Amino acid sequence: MAKLSDEEKELLEAELLELRLEHLDLETALEHIPITPLTQMQIARIKKRKLKIKDKIEKLEDKLIPDILA
């Protein structure tokens, strides 16, 4: 993987922070949604979004943290 410029690192770190905050917001929302049949679909959507965000976070972290074995 090519070395990232300082500007690229800053952009990735900003995106990573934004994703972490969104992930935390979704976690908080899940904790406060009353579980009813009508909210089950909302909960499923939030969990799916959380998983997508978690995957993006991991990919960005991989870009920002150099692979020690490489």
Protein backbone atom coordinates (compact mmCIF):
# COMPACT_ATOMS: atom_id res chain seq x y z
CA MET A 1 0.00 0.00 0.00
CA ALA A 2 1.31 3.46 -0.92
CA LYS A 3 2.15 5.85 1.87
CA LEU A 4 -0.60 8.37 2.60
CA SER A 5 0.08 12.08 2.46
CA ASP A 6 -0.62 14.19 5.54
CA GLU A 7 -3.71 15.59 3.82
CA GLU A 8 -5.00 12.12 2.99
CA LYS A 9 -4.43 11.02 6.60
CA GLU A 10 -6.34 14.04 7.91
CA LEU A 11 -9.27 13.35 5.58
CA LEU A 12 -9.38 9.68 6.57
CA GLU A 13 -9.14 10.54 10.26
CA ALA A 14 -12.00 13.02 9.92
CA GLU A 15 -14.12 10.43 8.12
CA LEU A 16 -13.21 7.85 10.76
CA LEU A 17 -14.27 10.19 13.55
CA GLU A 18 -17.56 10.92 11.78
CA LEU A 19 -18.25 7.21 11.34
CA ARG A 20 -17.41 6.44 14.97
CA LEU A 21 -19.80 9.16 16.12
CA GLU A 22 -22.56 7.88 13.86
CA HIS A 23 -21.96 4.34 15.13
CA LEU A 24 -22.23 5.57 18.72
CA ASP A 25 -25.41 7.51 17.89
CA LEU A 26 -26.98 4.38 16.42
CA GLU A 27 -25.98 2.36 19.47
CA THR A 28 -27.61 4.96 21.71
CA ALA A 29 -30.74 4.95 19.56
CA LEU A 30 -30.97 1.17 19.82
CA GLU A 31 -30.76 1.36 23.60
CA HIS A 32 -33.69 3.77 23.76
CA ILE A 33 -36.11 2.31 21.22
CA PRO A 34 -38.96 0.50 22.93
CA ILE A 35 -39.28 -2.98 21.50
CA THR A 36 -42.65 -3.38 19.84
CA PRO A 37 -43.67 -5.17 16.66
CA LEU A 38 -43.69 -1.84 14.82
CA THR A 39 -40.13 -0.98 15.85
CA GLN A 40 -38.63 -4.35 14.96
CA MET A 41 -38.07 -3.19 11.38
CA GLN A 42 -36.47 0.05 12.60
CA ILE A 43 -34.17 -1.91 14.88
CA ALA A 44 -33.16 -4.23 12.04
CA ARG A 45 -32.36 -1.24 9.79
CA ILE A 46 -30.30 0.44 12.51
CA LYS A 47 -28.35 -2.74 13.19
CA LYS A 48 -27.67 -3.20 9.48
CA ARG A 49 -26.45 0.41 9.22
CA LYS A 50 -24.26 -0.10 12.30
CA LEU A 51 -22.61 -3.13 10.70
CA LYS A 52 -21.92 -1.22 7.49
CA ILE A 53 -20.39 1.63 9.49
CA LYS A 54 -18.28 -0.81 11.51
CA ASP A 55 -16.94 -2.30 8.26
CA LYS A 56 -16.07 1.18 6.96
CA ILE A 57 -14.35 2.02 10.25
CA GLU A 58 -12.22 -1.13 10.02
CA LYS A 59 -11.25 -0.37 6.41
CA LEU A 60 -10.25 3.20 7.30
CA GLU A 61 -8.26 2.01 10.31
CA ASP A 62 -6.44 -0.45 8.06
CA LYS A 63 -5.51 2.42 5.74
CA LEU A 64 -4.35 4.63 8.60
CA ILE A 65 -2.47 2.02 10.62
CA PRO A 66 0.45 0.62 8.66
CA ASP A 67 0.60 -3.16 8.44
CA ILE A 68 3.42 -4.23 10.76
CA LEU A 69 4.07 -7.44 8.82
CA ALA A 70 4.31 -5.67 5.45
